[in-house]
Protein backbone atom coordinates (compact mmCIF):
# COMPACT_ATOMS: atom_id res chain seq x y z
CA MET A 1 165.36 98.35 75.87
CA THR A 2 164.74 101.20 78.28
CA PHE A 3 162.18 101.15 81.11
CA ASN A 4 159.51 103.81 80.75
CA TRP A 5 158.42 104.65 84.31
CA HIS A 6 155.63 107.04 83.35
CA GLN A 7 154.11 104.60 80.88
CA TRP A 8 154.15 101.84 83.50
CA MET A 9 152.44 104.09 86.08
CA ASP A 10 149.80 105.10 83.55
CA ARG A 11 149.00 101.46 82.92
CA ILE A 12 148.67 100.79 86.68
CA GLU A 13 146.43 103.80 87.13
CA ASP A 14 144.33 102.75 84.15
CA SER A 15 143.95 99.22 85.50
CA LYS A 16 142.95 100.56 88.95
CA TRP A 17 140.49 102.93 87.36
CA VAL A 18 138.93 100.05 85.40
CA GLU A 19 138.82 97.89 88.51
CA TRP A 20 137.15 100.57 90.64
CA THR A 21 134.76 101.43 87.84
CA THR A 22 133.79 97.77 87.57
CA LEU A 23 133.27 97.51 91.33
CA GLY A 24 131.21 100.69 91.32
CA ILE A 25 129.01 99.37 88.54
CA LYS A 26 128.52 96.08 90.42
CA PHE A 27 127.70 98.00 93.60
CA VAL A 28 125.05 100.09 91.86
CA LEU A 29 123.64 97.12 89.95
CA ILE A 30 123.15 95.12 93.16
CA LEU A 31 121.31 98.02 94.78
CA VAL A 32 119.16 98.42 91.68
CA LEU A 33 118.51 94.67 91.65
CA ALA A 34 117.48 94.79 95.31
CA ALA A 35 115.06 97.63 94.53
CA VAL A 36 113.61 95.64 91.61
CA VAL A 37 113.24 92.51 93.75
CA LEU A 38 111.53 94.58 96.45
CA LYS A 39 109.11 96.00 93.90
CA VAL A 40 108.33 92.53 92.53
CA VAL A 41 107.79 91.13 96.03
CA LYS A 42 105.43 94.00 96.91
CA VAL A 43 103.43 93.48 93.72
CA PHE A 44 103.26 89.75 94.44
CA ILE A 45 102.09 90.36 98.02
CA GLY A 46 99.50 92.83 96.76
CA ARG A 47 98.10 90.41 94.18
CA VAL A 48 97.97 87.53 96.66
CA GLY A 49 96.21 89.81 99.14
CA LYS A 50 93.58 90.85 96.57
CA ARG A 51 92.89 87.22 95.66
CA LEU A 52 92.51 86.26 99.31
CA GLN A 53 90.22 89.25 99.91
CA ALA A 54 88.08 88.22 96.95
CA LYS A 55 87.65 84.78 98.50
CA ALA A 56 87.03 86.11 102.01
CA ALA A 57 83.51 85.45 103.28
CA THR A 58 83.23 88.41 105.66
CA ARG A 59 84.37 92.00 105.87
CA GLY A 60 86.33 91.10 109.01
CA GLU A 61 88.43 88.58 107.10
CA ARG A 62 89.11 91.14 104.38
CA LYS A 63 90.30 93.64 106.99
CA ARG A 64 92.61 91.07 108.54
CA ILE A 65 94.11 90.17 105.17
CA GLU A 66 94.68 93.86 104.38
CA THR A 67 96.46 94.36 107.70
CA LEU A 68 98.68 91.30 107.19
CA MET A 69 99.60 92.44 103.69
CA ARG A 70 100.72 95.80 105.07
CA VAL A 71 102.95 94.07 107.63
CA PHE A 72 104.41 91.69 105.04
CA LYS A 73 105.35 94.66 102.85
CA TYR A 74 106.91 96.41 105.83
CA VAL A 75 109.02 93.34 106.68
CA ALA A 76 109.99 92.88 103.01
CA ASN A 77 111.25 96.48 102.91
CA ILE A 78 113.59 95.89 105.83
CA VAL A 79 114.86 92.41 104.94
CA ILE A 80 115.48 92.93 101.21
CA MET A 81 117.13 96.34 101.56
CA ILE A 82 119.47 95.12 104.33
CA MET A 83 120.43 92.06 102.28
CA GLY A 84 120.96 94.24 99.21
CA VAL A 85 123.23 96.70 101.06
CA LEU A 86 125.29 93.88 102.59
CA ALA A 87 125.70 92.16 99.22
CA ALA A 88 126.71 95.45 97.59
CA LEU A 89 129.32 96.12 100.27
CA ASN A 90 130.72 92.63 99.78
CA THR A 91 131.31 93.28 96.06
CA ILE A 92 133.63 96.24 96.77
CA GLY A 93 135.78 94.22 99.14
CA ILE A 94 134.22 95.13 102.47
CA SER A 95 133.87 91.92 104.44
CA ILE A 96 130.46 91.59 105.96
CA ALA A 97 131.41 88.79 108.38
CA PRO A 98 132.90 91.16 111.00
CA MET A 99 129.91 93.46 110.48
CA LEU A 100 127.50 90.61 111.16
CA ALA A 101 129.45 89.55 114.25
CA ALA A 102 129.55 93.12 115.52
CA ALA A 103 125.85 93.48 114.78
CA GLY A 104 125.18 90.40 116.89
CA VAL A 105 127.11 91.79 119.85
CA VAL A 106 125.49 95.20 119.46
CA GLY A 107 122.10 93.53 119.12
CA ILE A 108 122.54 91.77 122.46
CA ALA A 109 123.61 95.01 124.13
CA VAL A 110 120.78 96.94 122.58
CA GLY A 111 118.35 94.19 123.50
CA PHE A 112 119.03 94.73 127.19
CA GLY A 113 118.71 98.49 126.84
CA ALA A 114 115.67 98.42 124.57
CA GLN A 115 113.49 95.78 126.14
CA SER A 116 110.40 97.91 125.59
CA LEU A 117 111.14 97.98 121.85
CA VAL A 118 111.51 94.19 121.78
CA LYS A 119 108.25 93.93 123.72
CA ASP A 120 106.56 96.14 121.11
CA TYR A 121 107.54 93.76 118.31
CA PHE A 122 106.52 90.59 120.15
CA THR A 123 103.18 92.10 121.14
CA GLY A 124 102.64 93.27 117.55
CA ILE A 125 103.15 89.73 116.29
CA VAL A 126 100.61 88.40 118.81
CA LEU A 127 98.04 91.08 117.90
CA LEU A 128 98.26 90.11 114.24
CA ILE A 129 98.30 86.34 114.74
CA GLU A 130 95.29 86.44 117.06
CA ASN A 131 93.43 88.86 114.75
CA GLN A 132 92.68 91.30 117.57
CA ILE A 133 93.10 94.47 115.50
CA ARG A 134 92.56 95.18 111.81
CA VAL A 135 92.79 98.28 109.68
CA GLY A 136 89.43 100.08 109.77
CA ASP A 137 88.36 98.77 113.19
CA VAL A 138 87.23 101.14 115.93
CA VAL A 139 89.17 100.19 119.05
CA THR A 140 90.25 101.41 122.48
CA LEU A 141 93.95 100.98 123.27
CA ASP A 142 95.75 102.51 126.24
CA ASN A 143 92.71 104.71 126.96
CA ARG A 144 92.77 105.99 123.36
CA THR A 145 89.74 105.37 121.14
CA GLY A 146 89.79 105.75 117.37
CA THR A 147 89.78 104.13 113.96
CA VAL A 148 92.79 101.95 113.15
CA GLU A 149 94.67 103.45 110.20
CA GLU A 150 97.84 101.37 110.36
CA VAL A 151 99.11 98.31 112.24
CA THR A 152 102.84 97.58 112.29
CA LEU A 153 105.01 95.36 114.45
CA ARG A 154 106.01 98.52 116.37
CA TYR A 155 102.81 100.51 116.89
CA VAL A 156 99.13 100.99 116.08
CA ARG A 157 98.09 104.31 114.52
CA LEU A 158 94.65 105.55 115.59
CA ARG A 159 92.63 108.54 114.43
CA ASP A 160 89.98 109.70 116.88
CA ALA A 161 86.64 111.41 116.21
CA GLU A 162 88.27 114.86 116.32
CA GLY A 163 90.85 113.93 113.70
CA ASN A 164 93.75 113.58 116.14
CA VAL A 165 96.28 110.86 115.33
CA HIS A 166 97.59 108.66 118.16
CA PHE A 167 100.58 106.32 117.86
CA VAL A 168 100.16 103.60 120.48
CA PRO A 169 103.24 101.36 121.02
CA ASN A 170 102.27 97.71 120.98
CA GLY A 171 104.17 97.08 124.20
CA VAL A 172 101.78 99.21 126.27
CA VAL A 173 98.67 97.41 125.00
CA SER A 174 97.46 95.34 127.93
CA SER A 175 93.88 94.96 126.66
CA VAL A 176 92.04 95.58 123.40
CA THR A 177 88.44 96.73 123.12
CA ASN A 178 87.30 96.22 119.54
CA MET A 179 83.95 97.89 118.87
CA SER A 180 83.55 96.85 115.23
CA MET A 181 84.48 93.16 115.02
CA GLY A 182 81.74 90.91 113.69
CA PHE A 183 78.64 92.69 114.94
CA SER A 184 77.69 95.35 117.48
CA TYR A 185 74.66 96.36 119.54
CA ALA A 186 73.22 99.86 119.41
CA ILE A 187 71.81 100.38 122.90
CA ILE A 188 69.32 103.28 122.99
CA ASP A 189 67.70 104.75 126.09
CA VAL A 190 64.70 107.05 125.64
CA GLY A 191 63.10 108.97 128.52
CA ILE A 192 59.39 109.77 128.72
CA ALA A 193 57.44 111.75 131.30
CA TYR A 194 55.88 109.92 134.25
CA LYS A 195 52.41 110.95 133.08
CA GLU A 196 52.79 109.10 129.74
CA ASN A 197 51.52 105.60 129.03
CA VAL A 198 54.56 103.30 128.99
CA GLN A 199 52.95 100.64 126.78
CA ARG A 200 51.99 103.25 124.16
CA ALA A 201 55.50 104.71 124.16
CA MET A 202 57.02 101.23 123.78
CA ALA A 203 54.70 100.50 120.85
CA LEU A 204 55.80 103.71 119.11
CA MET A 205 59.45 102.88 119.71
CA ASP A 206 58.95 99.41 118.24
CA GLU A 207 57.21 100.92 115.21
CA VAL A 208 60.17 103.21 114.54
CA GLY A 209 62.68 100.38 114.96
CA GLN A 210 60.81 98.01 112.63
CA SER A 211 60.59 100.73 109.97
CA MET A 212 64.38 101.10 109.97
CA LEU A 213 64.79 97.35 109.45
CA ASN A 214 62.97 97.62 106.12
CA GLU A 215 64.32 100.89 104.70
CA GLU A 216 67.39 101.75 102.67
CA PRO A 217 70.17 102.33 103.51
CA TRP A 218 69.63 101.35 107.15
CA LYS A 219 68.59 97.76 106.56
CA ASN A 220 72.02 97.10 105.03
CA GLN A 221 73.63 98.22 108.30
CA LEU A 222 71.32 96.13 110.47
CA MET A 223 71.33 92.40 111.08
CA GLY A 224 67.58 91.91 111.29
CA GLU A 225 67.12 92.19 115.03
CA PHE A 226 65.38 94.95 117.01
CA MET A 227 64.01 94.67 120.52
CA VAL A 228 62.27 97.03 122.92
CA MET A 229 63.70 95.66 126.14
CA GLY A 230 61.41 97.53 128.53
CA VAL A 231 61.75 100.01 131.37
CA GLN A 232 65.43 100.42 132.17
CA MET A 233 65.23 102.95 134.99
CA LEU A 234 62.91 105.22 136.94
CA GLY A 235 64.83 108.48 136.84
CA ASP A 236 64.37 111.71 138.75
CA SER A 237 62.21 113.23 136.02
CA SER A 238 61.65 110.48 133.43
CA VAL A 239 60.88 106.83 132.84
CA VAL A 240 63.77 105.43 130.78
CA ILE A 241 62.87 102.79 128.19
CA ARG A 242 65.66 100.82 126.54
CA CYS A 243 65.73 99.30 123.05
CA ARG A 244 68.44 97.56 121.08
CA PHE A 245 69.51 97.02 117.47
CA LYS A 246 71.94 94.37 116.28
CA THR A 247 74.13 96.11 113.72
CA VAL A 248 77.01 95.41 111.39
CA GLY A 249 80.26 96.01 113.25
CA GLY A 250 81.05 99.72 113.52
CA GLU A 251 77.62 100.97 112.43
CA GLN A 252 76.03 101.28 115.88
CA TRP A 253 76.69 105.02 116.19
CA ALA A 254 75.01 105.91 112.89
CA ILE A 255 72.01 103.74 113.81
CA ARG A 256 71.69 105.45 117.20
CA ARG A 257 71.72 108.92 115.65
CA GLU A 258 69.09 108.03 113.07
CA TYR A 259 66.85 106.36 115.65
CA PHE A 260 66.98 109.37 117.97
CA ARG A 261 66.03 111.63 115.07
CA ARG A 262 63.04 109.48 114.13
CA ILE A 263 61.75 108.87 117.65
CA LYS A 264 61.90 112.59 118.41
CA ASN A 265 59.71 113.33 115.37
CA VAL A 266 57.26 110.53 116.24
CA PHE A 267 56.95 111.57 119.89
CA ASP A 268 56.35 115.19 118.85
CA ARG A 269 53.63 114.08 116.43
CA GLU A 270 51.95 111.80 118.97
CA GLN A 271 52.42 114.35 121.77
CA VAL A 272 54.51 112.05 123.94
CA GLU A 273 56.52 114.24 126.27
CA ILE A 274 60.30 113.81 126.46
CA PRO A 275 61.00 115.58 129.76
CA PHE A 276 64.02 117.61 130.75
CA PRO A 277 65.47 117.60 134.27
CA GLN A 278 63.23 119.60 136.55
CA MET A 279 62.70 120.21 140.24
CA THR A 280 59.52 120.76 142.25
CA LEU A 281 59.79 123.29 145.11
CA HIS A 282 57.45 123.16 148.11
CA LYS A 283 57.09 126.28 150.24
CA ALA A 284 56.96 125.53 153.90
CA ALA A 285 54.05 127.02 155.84
CA ASP A 286 54.77 129.66 158.47
């Protein structure tokens, strides 16, 4: 019996090819499985979020739930994909134990060099747990004011009134001013000329405010409270009268604009003067 070297080498090469093909298939299948699991988890989080939103009593609670669902999906993306990649590498013979140990050492080193990044994540967790910011709120962060479009553990994305987008790292947030949580007050100052009757002007202002409480769509944005508070200031050229609406959170600006439009029309009709800044000159005698 003679030894066939070429036949033996072909068999070895065939067996290696089969082995590597098998490992490659396992590698791809694990990645596909991770993607499927991620999709299922996202769908599950979405359905749970919708059920919780349906049971929520207020719009504020619904906003908070929506924000938390976004963060949960973000975390699921990172955790499941990292676990999937590590499991796939393990199937092709790459030991993940040294990688995990090295990652721990690198993590400590990076932690010292990236303390601001760590601070961002910790602050992001606190913001979400304490329900300080929700998607859709109008807030002021780091001297930036805008509508919250996205909240992550790393940053808050704001869009201001001019359409500019601001990414505010959570670590720099030392205070939060939320202008749309629960309810808001629309504070409105109206100036009238000194010659006008203050009581008459206040009565007209109250009439306009009460009409808005009973008309669509404004009554849906108001919480049933309007008050003419009285004379706020004696200005250089006007008597300033202040009034106040209690509005649904975030609707105070629309209410102010509509009230100014109506009071201008009423004052024009009733001939109540809204003065502009003016100066009286006195000529000294020779």
